C-alpha cells in the first residue's frame, strides 16, 4: 500500500499495532487508518474481542482488541466464534514456544497462515468452562498487578526512609 499522507492515515481505525507487547487489551495505537486508506489497501477490519498475535520476529505476543482494528502482515488475527476471547488469549500466550517451532524463514522467523491453521491445542469445548478458567487467570493477573504496585510503593517508601535516616535528618534515638 502506498502512503497517501493524511488521507490514508490519521483516520479512526487503529492500525500498526506496535504497542502490543505487554498489553492484554488494545484499544488504541499510535497510527490509525482512514476509510479511504482502508479501501485502498488489502487490510481488513478485525472485530472487537479478537486475538491479535504477532507472527514475525517476536512470535506469539498476543492482545485482545476492544475496538475494530486493522493489522499489518506481521500479525495473525484469531476471531473467536466458539471460544471465550480471554481464554483464547491465555491459551495462545502459553503456546509461544510451540509456535516458534513451526516457523519458517531464513532472515527472521515467521509463522504462516497454513501453519497456524494446522496448529492444534487441547482445550475445554464448553465456553462456560473456558470463561471460568479465563476468570481465574484474569483474577490472578489483577492480584499480581496489585502486588507489583505494592512492592513499588514499599521500595519508594524505603528509599525515602533511607534518605531521611542516613542523612541524619530523622534520628531514631
C-alpha atoms as a PDB file:
ATOM      1  CA  UNK A   1       0.000   0.000   0.000  1.00  0.00           C
ATOM      2  CA  UNK A   2       1.279   3.438  -0.813  1.00  0.00           C
ATOM      3  CA  UNK A   3       1.144   6.077   1.839  1.00  0.00           C
ATOM      4  CA  UNK A   4      -1.215   8.833   0.817  1.00  0.00           C
ATOM      5  CA  UNK A   5      -0.401  11.073   3.766  1.00  0.00           C
ATOM      6  CA  UNK A   6      -3.155  12.468   5.910  1.00  0.00           C
ATOM      7  CA  UNK A   7      -5.895  10.971   3.737  1.00  0.00           C
ATOM      8  CA  UNK A   8      -4.829   7.371   4.390  1.00  0.00           C
ATOM      9  CA  UNK A   9      -3.534   7.628   7.906  1.00  0.00           C
ATOM     10  CA  UNK A  10      -4.939   9.634  10.782  1.00  0.00           C
ATOM     11  CA  UNK A  11      -8.366   8.062  10.471  1.00  0.00           C
ATOM     12  CA  UNK A  12     -10.406   6.422  13.193  1.00  0.00           C
ATOM     13  CA  UNK A  13      -9.410   2.752  12.830  1.00  0.00           C
ATOM     14  CA  UNK A  14      -6.317   1.786  14.863  1.00  0.00           C
ATOM     15  CA  UNK A  15      -3.577   0.115  12.821  1.00  0.00           C
ATOM     16  CA  UNK A  16       0.139  -0.784  13.030  1.00  0.00           C
ATOM     17  CA  UNK A  17      -0.054  -2.357  16.432  1.00  0.00           C
ATOM     18  CA  UNK A  18       3.483  -1.761  17.657  1.00  0.00           C
ATOM     19  CA  UNK A  19       2.326  -1.155  21.227  1.00  0.00           C
ATOM     20  CA  UNK A  20       1.222  -4.767  21.603  1.00  0.00           C
ATOM     21  CA  UNK A  21       3.955  -6.001  23.921  1.00  0.00           C
ATOM     22  CA  UNK A  22       2.830  -6.331  27.486  1.00  0.00           C
ATOM     23  CA  UNK A  23      -0.743  -5.253  26.951  1.00  0.00           C
ATOM     24  CA  UNK A  24      -3.613  -7.680  27.390  1.00  0.00           C
ATOM     25  CA  UNK A  25      -6.166  -5.278  25.934  1.00  0.00           C
ATOM     26  CA  UNK A  26      -5.584  -2.997  22.993  1.00  0.00           C
ATOM     27  CA  UNK A  27      -7.919  -0.078  22.304  1.00  0.00           C
ATOM     28  CA  UNK A  28      -5.648   2.466  20.668  1.00  0.00           C
ATOM     29  CA  UNK A  29      -2.495   2.619  18.589  1.00  0.00           C
ATOM     30  CA  UNK A  30      -0.023   5.295  17.521  1.00  0.00           C
ATOM     31  CA  UNK A  31      -1.220   5.117  13.921  1.00  0.00           C
ATOM     32  CA  UNK A  32      -4.710   4.862  12.533  1.00  0.00           C
ATOM     33  CA  UNK A  33      -6.076   4.310   9.055  1.00  0.00           C
ATOM     34  CA  UNK A  34      -8.877   6.263   7.413  1.00  0.00           C
ATOM     35  CA  UNK A  35     -11.770   4.762   5.464  1.00  0.00           C
ATOM     36  CA  UNK A  36     -10.062   5.911   2.243  1.00  0.00           C
ATOM     37  CA  UNK A  37      -6.828   4.214   3.272  1.00  0.00           C
ATOM     38  CA  UNK A  38      -8.668   1.071   4.281  1.00  0.00           C
ATOM     39  CA  UNK A  39     -10.399   0.833   0.893  1.00  0.00           C
ATOM     40  CA  UNK A  40      -7.076   1.431  -0.910  1.00  0.00           C
ATOM     41  CA  UNK A  41      -5.311  -1.347   0.985  1.00  0.00           C
ATOM     42  CA  UNK A  42      -5.639  -5.075   1.469  1.00  0.00           C
ATOM     43  CA  UNK A  43      -6.242  -4.559   5.193  1.00  0.00           C
ATOM     44  CA  UNK A  44      -9.369  -5.965   6.773  1.00  0.00           C
ATOM     45  CA  UNK A  45     -11.114  -4.699   9.870  1.00  0.00           C
ATOM     46  CA  UNK A  46     -10.873  -7.133  12.762  1.00  0.00           C
ATOM     47  CA  UNK A  47     -13.917  -7.160  15.047  1.00  0.00           C
ATOM     48  CA  UNK A  48     -13.570  -6.407  18.773  1.00  0.00           C
ATOM     49  CA  UNK A  49     -12.660  -9.321  21.079  1.00  0.00           C
ATOM     50  CA  UNK A  50     -10.347 -10.875  18.517  1.00  0.00           C
ATOM     51  CA  UNK A  51      -6.891 -12.132  19.404  1.00  0.00           C
ATOM     52  CA  UNK A  52      -4.165 -10.147  17.661  1.00  0.00           C
ATOM     53  CA  UNK A  53      -0.971 -12.205  17.563  1.00  0.00           C
ATOM     54  CA  UNK A  54       2.472 -11.319  16.262  1.00  0.00           C
ATOM     55  CA  UNK A  55       3.547 -13.736  13.536  1.00  0.00           C
ATOM     56  CA  UNK A  56       7.012 -12.365  12.773  1.00  0.00           C
ATOM     57  CA  UNK A  57      10.143 -11.897  14.880  1.00  0.00           C
ATOM     58  CA  UNK A  58       8.528 -11.756  18.344  1.00  0.00           C
ATOM     59  CA  UNK A  59       6.170 -14.613  17.560  1.00  0.00           C
ATOM     60  CA  UNK A  60       3.197 -15.286  19.782  1.00  0.00           C
ATOM     61  CA  UNK A  61       2.774 -11.949  21.555  1.00  0.00           C
ATOM     62  CA  UNK A  62      -0.984 -11.511  21.929  1.00  0.00           C
ATOM     63  CA  UNK A  63      -3.590  -8.925  22.843  1.00  0.00           C
ATOM     64  CA  UNK A  64      -7.368  -8.684  22.741  1.00  0.00           C
ATOM     65  CA  UNK A  65      -8.654  -5.731  20.724  1.00  0.00           C
ATOM     66  CA  UNK A  66     -11.516  -3.837  22.334  1.00  0.00           C
ATOM     67  CA  UNK A  67     -12.402  -1.812  19.236  1.00  0.00           C
ATOM     68  CA  UNK A  68     -12.364  -2.610  15.499  1.00  0.00           C
ATOM     69  CA  UNK A  69      -8.753  -2.618  14.230  1.00  0.00           C
ATOM     70  CA  UNK A  70      -6.557  -3.460  11.297  1.00  0.00           C
ATOM     71  CA  UNK A  71      -3.094  -5.000  11.400  1.00  0.00           C
ATOM     72  CA  UNK A  72      -0.205  -5.299   9.012  1.00  0.00           C
ATOM     73  CA  UNK A  73       1.257  -8.539   7.619  1.00  0.00           C
ATOM     74  CA  UNK A  74       3.236  -9.148  10.815  1.00  0.00           C
ATOM     75  CA  UNK A  75       0.137 -10.360  12.632  1.00  0.00           C
ATOM     76  CA  UNK A  76      -2.260 -13.271  12.513  1.00  0.00           C
ATOM     77  CA  UNK A  77      -5.666 -12.460  13.925  1.00  0.00           C
ATOM     78  CA  UNK A  78      -7.912 -15.023  15.572  1.00  0.00           C
ATOM     79  CA  UNK A  79     -11.617 -14.204  15.607  1.00  0.00           C
ATOM     80  CA  UNK A  80     -13.225 -16.478  18.205  1.00  0.00           C
ATOM     81  CA  UNK A  81     -16.712 -17.584  17.249  1.00  0.00           C
ATOM     82  CA  UNK A  82     -16.999 -20.589  19.565  1.00  0.00           C
ATOM     83  CA  UNK A  83     -14.466 -19.702  22.249  1.00  0.00           C
ATOM     84  CA  UNK A  84     -14.123 -17.246  25.100  1.00  0.00           C
ATOM     85  CA  UNK A  85     -11.762 -14.471  23.897  1.00  0.00           C
ATOM     86  CA  UNK A  86      -9.904 -14.201  27.217  1.00  0.00           C
ATOM     87  CA  UNK A  87      -9.473 -17.973  27.381  1.00  0.00           C
ATOM     88  CA  UNK A  88      -8.109 -17.983  23.831  1.00  0.00           C
ATOM     89  CA  UNK A  89      -5.755 -15.125  24.758  1.00  0.00           C
ATOM     90  CA  UNK A  90      -4.320 -17.081  27.700  1.00  0.00           C
ATOM     91  CA  UNK A  91      -4.165 -20.293  25.675  1.00  0.00           C
ATOM     92  CA  UNK A  92      -2.250 -18.659  22.835  1.00  0.00           C
ATOM     93  CA  UNK A  93       0.172 -16.800  25.109  1.00  0.00           C
ATOM     94  CA  UNK A  94       1.047 -20.174  26.602  1.00  0.00           C
ATOM     95  CA  UNK A  95       1.880 -21.553  23.134  1.00  0.00           C
ATOM     96  CA  UNK A  96       4.741 -19.200  22.161  1.00  0.00           C
ATOM     97  CA  UNK A  97       7.473 -21.839  22.148  1.00  0.00           C
ATOM     98  CA  UNK A  98       5.356 -24.331  20.189  1.00  0.00           C
ATOM     99  CA  UNK A  99       4.507 -21.628  17.655  1.00  0.00           C
ATOM    100  CA  UNK A 100       8.186 -20.735  17.221  1.00  0.00           C
ATOM    101  CA  UNK A 101       8.948 -24.380  16.385  1.00  0.00           C
ATOM    102  CA  UNK A 102       6.555 -24.184  13.415  1.00  0.00           C
ATOM    103  CA  UNK A 103       8.191 -21.098  11.950  1.00  0.00           C
ATOM    104  CA  UNK A 104       9.956 -20.798   8.668  1.00  0.00           C
ATOM    105  CA  UNK A 105      12.118 -18.063   7.235  1.00  0.00           C
ATOM    106  CA  UNK A 106      15.836 -17.570   6.950  1.00  0.00           C
ATOM    107  CA  UNK A 107      16.165 -13.849   7.659  1.00  0.00           C
ATOM    108  CA  UNK A 108      13.668 -13.796  10.511  1.00  0.00           C
ATOM    109  CA  UNK A 109      11.124 -16.222  11.914  1.00  0.00           C
ATOM    110  CA  UNK A 110       7.575 -16.118  10.635  1.00  0.00           C
ATOM    111  CA  UNK A 111       4.523 -18.301  11.124  1.00  0.00           C
ATOM    112  CA  UNK A 112       2.261 -18.545   8.103  1.00  0.00           C
ATOM    113  CA  UNK A 113      -1.489 -18.905   7.791  1.00  0.00           C
ATOM    114  CA  UNK A 114      -1.263 -22.580   6.777  1.00  0.00           C
ATOM    115  CA  UNK A 115       1.000 -23.404   9.713  1.00  0.00           C
ATOM    116  CA  UNK A 116      -1.375 -21.683  12.099  1.00  0.00           C
ATOM    117  CA  UNK A 117      -4.403 -23.455  10.602  1.00  0.00           C
ATOM    118  CA  UNK A 118      -2.743 -26.819  11.303  1.00  0.00           C
ATOM    119  CA  UNK A 119      -1.778 -25.816  14.847  1.00  0.00           C
ATOM    120  CA  UNK A 120      -3.761 -27.854  17.372  1.00  0.00           C
ATOM    121  CA  UNK A 121      -4.291 -27.284  21.070  1.00  0.00           C
ATOM    122  CA  UNK A 122      -6.216 -29.211  23.694  1.00  0.00           C
ATOM    123  CA  UNK A 123      -8.840 -27.171  25.478  1.00  0.00           C
ATOM    124  CA  UNK A 124     -12.301 -27.449  27.037  1.00  0.00           C
ATOM    125  CA  UNK A 125     -15.088 -27.386  24.465  1.00  0.00           C
ATOM    126  CA  UNK A 126     -17.660 -25.753  26.732  1.00  0.00           C
ATOM    127  CA  UNK A 127     -17.473 -21.966  26.594  1.00  0.00           C
ATOM    128  CA  UNK A 128     -18.705 -21.752  30.210  1.00  0.00           C
ATOM    129  CA  UNK A 129     -15.661 -23.716  31.379  1.00  0.00           C
ATOM    130  CA  UNK A 130     -13.367 -21.576  29.217  1.00  0.00           C
ATOM    131  CA  UNK A 131     -14.877 -18.442  30.761  1.00  0.00           C
ATOM    132  CA  UNK A 132     -14.408 -19.825  34.284  1.00  0.00           C
ATOM    133  CA  UNK A 133     -10.747 -20.606  33.551  1.00  0.00           C
ATOM    134  CA  UNK A 134     -10.184 -17.173  32.000  1.00  0.00           C
ATOM    135  CA  UNK A 135     -11.798 -15.504  35.022  1.00  0.00           C
ATOM    136  CA  UNK A 136      -9.449 -17.306  37.436  1.00  0.00           C
ATOM    137  CA  UNK A 137      -6.405 -16.361  35.338  1.00  0.00           C
ATOM    138  CA  UNK A 138      -7.577 -12.770  34.960  1.00  0.00           C
ATOM    139  CA  UNK A 139      -8.131 -12.510  38.724  1.00  0.00           C
ATOM    140  CA  UNK A 140      -4.592 -13.808  39.252  1.00  0.00           C
ATOM    141  CA  UNK A 141      -3.255 -11.185  36.823  1.00  0.00           C
ATOM    142  CA  UNK A 142      -5.083  -8.489  38.791  1.00  0.00           C
ATOM    143  CA  UNK A 143      -3.594  -9.787  42.053  1.00  0.00           C
ATOM    144  CA  UNK A 144      -0.095  -9.827  40.545  1.00  0.00           C
ATOM    145  CA  UNK A 145      -0.564  -6.236  39.358  1.00  0.00           C
ATOM    146  CA  UNK A 146      -1.702  -5.195  42.843  1.00  0.00           C
ATOM    147  CA  UNK A 147       1.305  -6.904  44.444  1.00  0.00           C
ATOM    148  CA  UNK A 148       3.704  -5.292  41.953  1.00  0.00           C
ATOM    149  CA  UNK A 149       2.230  -1.868  42.719  1.00  0.00           C
ATOM    150  CA  UNK A 150       2.530  -2.519  46.456  1.00  0.00           C
ATOM    151  CA  UNK A 151       6.143  -3.638  46.004  1.00  0.00           C
ATOM    152  CA  UNK A 152       6.963  -0.453  44.091  1.00  0.00           C
ATOM    153  CA  UNK A 153       5.297   1.694  46.742  1.00  0.00           C
ATOM    154  CA  UNK A 154       7.205  -0.141  49.505  1.00  0.00           C
ATOM    155  CA  UNK A 155      10.503   0.414  47.669  1.00  0.00           C
ATOM    156  CA  UNK A 156       9.689   4.098  47.264  1.00  0.00           C
ATOM    157  CA  UNK A 157       8.934   4.374  50.995  1.00  0.00           C
ATOM    158  CA  UNK A 158      12.188   2.584  51.832  1.00  0.00           C
ATOM    159  CA  UNK A 159      14.128   4.940  49.564  1.00  0.00           C
ATOM    160  CA  UNK A 160      12.572   7.942  51.283  1.00  0.00           C
ATOM    161  CA  UNK A 161      13.310   6.452  54.717  1.00  0.00           C
ATOM    162  CA  UNK A 162      16.921   5.823  53.743  1.00  0.00           C
ATOM    163  CA  UNK A 163      17.232   9.453  52.677  1.00  0.00           C
ATOM    164  CA  UNK A 164      15.821  10.632  55.997  1.00  0.00           C
ATOM    165  CA  UNK A 165      17.743   8.199  58.223  1.00  0.00           C
ATOM    166  CA  UNK A 166      21.117   8.038  56.512  1.00  0.00           C
ATOM    167  CA  UNK A 167      21.469  11.795  56.188  1.00  0.00           C
ATOM    168  CA  UNK A 168      20.616  12.299  59.861  1.00  0.00           C
ATOM    169  CA  UNK A 169      17.565  14.371  59.017  1.00  0.00           C
ATOM    170  CA  UNK A 170      15.494  11.964  61.110  1.00  0.00           C
ATOM    171  CA  UNK A 171      17.004  10.444  64.249  1.00  0.00           C
ATOM    172  CA  UNK A 172      15.865   7.202  65.855  1.00  0.00           C
ATOM    173  CA  UNK A 173      17.446   7.735  69.267  1.00  0.00           C
END
